[in-house]
Amino acid sequence: MSYQAYQKAQTSAESPSQVEYRLFAQVTNTLMRIKERGIRDNDMVKALDWNRRMWSVFSSDCGAEGNALPDQLRASIISLSIWVSKHSSAVMRGTEDIGDLISINRTIMEGLAAQHKLQQEASENDKNTPSKPIDSIL
C-alpha cells in the first residue's frame, strides 16, 4: 500500500514552473483581495511585502551562478524585481495603484502556464516516439 502511495506522489509531483505558478497565484490572489477591500492597513503592507520578497527570491536566483535561464530573461526578471520593489513602496505611500503589481504577476503566470503546457506536450511526444535499439543508432 505504501509503495502505491509513493508512486502516486512521485507522478503527481509539481515541476519547478508549477511550484512558481502556484506561488504567484497565492500571492496575486492575496493582492487582489487587498485591492477589493480598498483599505490601506497592515494586511496590505504584509501582502505587498510577501510579493516583494517573492520577486526578490526570483531576482537572487537569476543572479546566481549556474542559473540555466537565458541571459536576457534573467536580466528581465531582475529588472522586474527592482520595479516591483519600487512600485510596492509607492503603493504603500498611496501614490501608486496595487493593480499594476497584480497585472505583472498575472502576465508571469500566463507565461508559466504556457511553459508548463509546452513541457507536457514535449513529454507526451517523447512517450509516443518509439525508441530505436542502440545497435541501429551505432
C-alpha atoms as a PDB file:
ATOM      1  CA  MET A   1       0.000   0.000   0.000  1.00  0.00           C
ATOM      2  CA  SER A   2       2.729   2.497   0.881  1.00  0.00           C
ATOM      3  CA  TYR A   3       4.566   1.738  -2.364  1.00  0.00           C
ATOM      4  CA  GLN A   4       1.454   2.736  -4.331  1.00  0.00           C
ATOM      5  CA  ALA A   5       1.191   5.975  -2.355  1.00  0.00           C
ATOM      6  CA  TYR A   6       4.846   6.680  -3.133  1.00  0.00           C
ATOM      7  CA  GLN A   7       4.262   6.062  -6.850  1.00  0.00           C
ATOM      8  CA  LYS A   8       1.253   8.373  -6.846  1.00  0.00           C
ATOM      9  CA  ALA A   9       3.209  11.117  -5.086  1.00  0.00           C
ATOM     10  CA  GLN A  10       6.097  10.678  -7.495  1.00  0.00           C
ATOM     11  CA  THR A  11       3.899  11.017 -10.582  1.00  0.00           C
ATOM     12  CA  SER A  12       1.909  13.926  -9.161  1.00  0.00           C
ATOM     13  CA  ALA A  13       4.949  15.959  -8.047  1.00  0.00           C
ATOM     14  CA  GLU A  14       4.992  19.500  -9.333  1.00  0.00           C
ATOM     15  CA  SER A  15       7.574  20.791 -11.753  1.00  0.00           C
ATOM     16  CA  PRO A  16       9.515  23.923 -10.768  1.00  0.00           C
ATOM     17  CA  SER A  17       7.328  26.036 -13.071  1.00  0.00           C
ATOM     18  CA  GLN A  18       4.183  24.599 -11.448  1.00  0.00           C
ATOM     19  CA  VAL A  19       5.509  25.483  -7.996  1.00  0.00           C
ATOM     20  CA  GLU A  20       6.316  29.003  -9.211  1.00  0.00           C
ATOM     21  CA  TYR A  21       2.853  29.317 -10.758  1.00  0.00           C
ATOM     22  CA  ARG A  22       1.193  28.189  -7.519  1.00  0.00           C
ATOM     23  CA  LEU A  23       3.217  30.718  -5.503  1.00  0.00           C
ATOM     24  CA  PHE A  24       2.379  33.528  -7.932  1.00  0.00           C
ATOM     25  CA  ALA A  25      -1.303  32.535  -7.742  1.00  0.00           C
ATOM     26  CA  GLN A  26      -1.319  32.633  -3.933  1.00  0.00           C
ATOM     27  CA  VAL A  27       0.426  35.997  -3.756  1.00  0.00           C
ATOM     28  CA  THR A  28      -1.651  37.504  -6.564  1.00  0.00           C
ATOM     29  CA  ASN A  29      -4.929  36.324  -5.040  1.00  0.00           C
ATOM     30  CA  THR A  30      -3.919  37.982  -1.784  1.00  0.00           C
ATOM     31  CA  LEU A  31      -3.110  41.230  -3.626  1.00  0.00           C
ATOM     32  CA  MET A  32      -6.481  41.052  -5.392  1.00  0.00           C
ATOM     33  CA  ARG A  33      -8.330  40.652  -2.085  1.00  0.00           C
ATOM     34  CA  ILE A  34      -6.421  43.636  -0.696  1.00  0.00           C
ATOM     35  CA  LYS A  35      -7.349  45.713  -3.741  1.00  0.00           C
ATOM     36  CA  GLU A  36     -11.040  44.739  -3.416  1.00  0.00           C
ATOM     37  CA  ARG A  37     -11.067  45.790   0.238  1.00  0.00           C
ATOM     38  CA  GLY A  38      -9.636  49.174  -0.657  1.00  0.00           C
ATOM     39  CA  ILE A  39      -8.209  49.618   2.824  1.00  0.00           C
ATOM     40  CA  ARG A  40      -4.626  50.677   3.419  1.00  0.00           C
ATOM     41  CA  ASP A  41      -3.730  48.737   6.549  1.00  0.00           C
ATOM     42  CA  ASN A  42      -1.280  46.223   7.969  1.00  0.00           C
ATOM     43  CA  ASP A  43      -2.745  43.423   5.801  1.00  0.00           C
ATOM     44  CA  MET A  44      -1.933  45.450   2.706  1.00  0.00           C
ATOM     45  CA  VAL A  45       1.628  46.004   3.908  1.00  0.00           C
ATOM     46  CA  LYS A  46       2.021  42.268   4.582  1.00  0.00           C
ATOM     47  CA  ALA A  47       0.683  41.357   1.120  1.00  0.00           C
ATOM     48  CA  LEU A  48       2.962  43.862  -0.596  1.00  0.00           C
ATOM     49  CA  ASP A  49       5.927  42.605   1.410  1.00  0.00           C
ATOM     50  CA  TRP A  50       5.132  38.992   0.502  1.00  0.00           C
ATOM     51  CA  ASN A  51       5.011  39.946  -3.172  1.00  0.00           C
ATOM     52  CA  ARG A  52       8.257  41.908  -2.901  1.00  0.00           C
ATOM     53  CA  ARG A  53      10.018  39.025  -1.122  1.00  0.00           C
ATOM     54  CA  MET A  54       8.843  36.553  -3.774  1.00  0.00           C
ATOM     55  CA  TRP A  55      10.243  38.751  -6.525  1.00  0.00           C
ATOM     56  CA  SER A  56      13.453  39.237  -4.557  1.00  0.00           C
ATOM     57  CA  VAL A  57      13.972  35.473  -4.386  1.00  0.00           C
ATOM     58  CA  PHE A  58      13.457  35.147  -8.140  1.00  0.00           C
ATOM     59  CA  SER A  59      15.880  38.016  -8.719  1.00  0.00           C
ATOM     60  CA  SER A  60      18.502  36.433  -6.466  1.00  0.00           C
ATOM     61  CA  ASP A  61      18.073  33.119  -8.243  1.00  0.00           C
ATOM     62  CA  CYS A  62      18.522  34.814 -11.623  1.00  0.00           C
ATOM     63  CA  GLY A  63      21.730  36.436 -10.410  1.00  0.00           C
ATOM     64  CA  ALA A  64      23.159  33.165  -9.124  1.00  0.00           C
ATOM     65  CA  GLU A  65      25.933  31.440 -10.976  1.00  0.00           C
ATOM     66  CA  GLY A  66      24.717  28.366 -12.804  1.00  0.00           C
ATOM     67  CA  ASN A  67      21.192  29.645 -13.484  1.00  0.00           C
ATOM     68  CA  ALA A  68      20.191  27.983 -16.758  1.00  0.00           C
ATOM     69  CA  LEU A  69      17.767  30.658 -17.951  1.00  0.00           C
ATOM     70  CA  PRO A  70      18.833  32.718 -20.968  1.00  0.00           C
ATOM     71  CA  ASP A  71      20.748  35.877 -20.019  1.00  0.00           C
ATOM     72  CA  GLN A  72      18.087  38.222 -21.446  1.00  0.00           C
ATOM     73  CA  LEU A  73      15.298  36.529 -19.493  1.00  0.00           C
ATOM     74  CA  ARG A  74      17.347  36.624 -16.293  1.00  0.00           C
ATOM     75  CA  ALA A  75      18.042  40.325 -16.796  1.00  0.00           C
ATOM     76  CA  SER A  76      14.348  40.992 -17.412  1.00  0.00           C
ATOM     77  CA  ILE A  77      13.331  39.189 -14.224  1.00  0.00           C
ATOM     78  CA  ILE A  78      15.917  41.138 -12.221  1.00  0.00           C
ATOM     79  CA  SER A  79      14.652  44.416 -13.726  1.00  0.00           C
ATOM     80  CA  LEU A  80      11.049  43.494 -12.938  1.00  0.00           C
ATOM     81  CA  SER A  81      12.044  42.677  -9.374  1.00  0.00           C
ATOM     82  CA  ILE A  82      13.581  46.134  -8.967  1.00  0.00           C
ATOM     83  CA  TRP A  83      10.459  47.724 -10.418  1.00  0.00           C
ATOM     84  CA  VAL A  84       8.203  45.649  -8.124  1.00  0.00           C
ATOM     85  CA  SER A  85      10.184  46.790  -5.091  1.00  0.00           C
ATOM     86  CA  LYS A  86       9.964  50.472  -6.038  1.00  0.00           C
ATOM     87  CA  HIS A  87       6.309  50.241  -7.051  1.00  0.00           C
ATOM     88  CA  SER A  88       5.400  48.422  -3.835  1.00  0.00           C
ATOM     89  CA  SER A  89       6.884  51.276  -1.822  1.00  0.00           C
ATOM     90  CA  ALA A  90       4.832  53.752  -3.845  1.00  0.00           C
ATOM     91  CA  VAL A  91       1.669  51.702  -3.262  1.00  0.00           C
ATOM     92  CA  MET A  92       2.373  51.723   0.488  1.00  0.00           C
ATOM     93  CA  ARG A  93       2.715  55.517   0.337  1.00  0.00           C
ATOM     94  CA  GLY A  94      -0.558  55.736  -1.572  1.00  0.00           C
ATOM     95  CA  THR A  95       0.991  57.265  -4.713  1.00  0.00           C
ATOM     96  CA  GLU A  96       0.555  54.209  -6.975  1.00  0.00           C
ATOM     97  CA  ASP A  97      -2.069  51.532  -7.545  1.00  0.00           C
ATOM     98  CA  ILE A  98      -1.729  47.905  -6.483  1.00  0.00           C
ATOM     99  CA  GLY A  99      -3.368  46.850  -9.756  1.00  0.00           C
ATOM    100  CA  ASP A 100      -0.100  47.214 -11.662  1.00  0.00           C
ATOM    101  CA  LEU A 101       1.531  44.603  -9.412  1.00  0.00           C
ATOM    102  CA  ILE A 102      -1.399  42.264  -9.965  1.00  0.00           C
ATOM    103  CA  SER A 103      -1.121  42.753 -13.720  1.00  0.00           C
ATOM    104  CA  ILE A 104       2.609  41.940 -13.772  1.00  0.00           C
ATOM    105  CA  ASN A 105       2.064  38.818 -11.684  1.00  0.00           C
ATOM    106  CA  ARG A 106      -0.756  37.656 -13.960  1.00  0.00           C
ATOM    107  CA  THR A 107       1.441  38.123 -17.019  1.00  0.00           C
ATOM    108  CA  ILE A 108       4.150  35.987 -15.436  1.00  0.00           C
ATOM    109  CA  MET A 109       1.546  33.370 -14.502  1.00  0.00           C
ATOM    110  CA  GLU A 110       0.382  33.218 -18.127  1.00  0.00           C
ATOM    111  CA  GLY A 111       3.970  32.597 -19.216  1.00  0.00           C
ATOM    112  CA  LEU A 112       4.451  29.871 -16.609  1.00  0.00           C
ATOM    113  CA  ALA A 113       1.203  28.196 -17.670  1.00  0.00           C
ATOM    114  CA  ALA A 114       2.273  28.269 -21.321  1.00  0.00           C
ATOM    115  CA  GLN A 115       5.675  26.849 -20.373  1.00  0.00           C
ATOM    116  CA  HIS A 116       4.012  24.017 -18.446  1.00  0.00           C
ATOM    117  CA  LYS A 117       1.765  23.237 -21.414  1.00  0.00           C
ATOM    118  CA  LEU A 118       4.780  23.055 -23.747  1.00  0.00           C
ATOM    119  CA  GLN A 119       6.598  20.789 -21.281  1.00  0.00           C
ATOM    120  CA  GLN A 120       3.581  18.479 -21.111  1.00  0.00           C
ATOM    121  CA  GLU A 121       3.338  18.331 -24.906  1.00  0.00           C
ATOM    122  CA  ALA A 122       7.041  17.567 -25.202  1.00  0.00           C
ATOM    123  CA  SER A 123       6.706  14.842 -22.580  1.00  0.00           C
ATOM    124  CA  GLU A 124       3.754  13.309 -24.429  1.00  0.00           C
ATOM    125  CA  ASN A 125       5.700  13.414 -27.701  1.00  0.00           C
ATOM    126  CA  ASP A 126       8.626  11.657 -26.030  1.00  0.00           C
ATOM    127  CA  LYS A 127       6.306   8.913 -24.769  1.00  0.00           C
ATOM    128  CA  ASN A 128       4.824   8.417 -28.244  1.00  0.00           C
ATOM    129  CA  THR A 129       8.160   8.336 -30.073  1.00  0.00           C
ATOM    130  CA  PRO A 130       9.390   4.779 -30.446  1.00  0.00           C
ATOM    131  CA  SER A 131      12.943   4.362 -29.264  1.00  0.00           C
ATOM    132  CA  LYS A 132      15.461   2.761 -31.549  1.00  0.00           C
ATOM    133  CA  PRO A 133      17.688  -0.023 -30.335  1.00  0.00           C
ATOM    134  CA  ILE A 134      21.211   1.198 -29.630  1.00  0.00           C
ATOM    135  CA  ASP A 135      22.603  -1.077 -32.373  1.00  0.00           C
ATOM    136  CA  SER A 136      20.586   0.753 -35.052  1.00  0.00           C
ATOM    137  CA  ILE A 137      21.963   4.108 -33.917  1.00  0.00           C
ATOM    138  CA  LEU A 138      25.589   2.965 -33.981  1.00  0.00           C
END
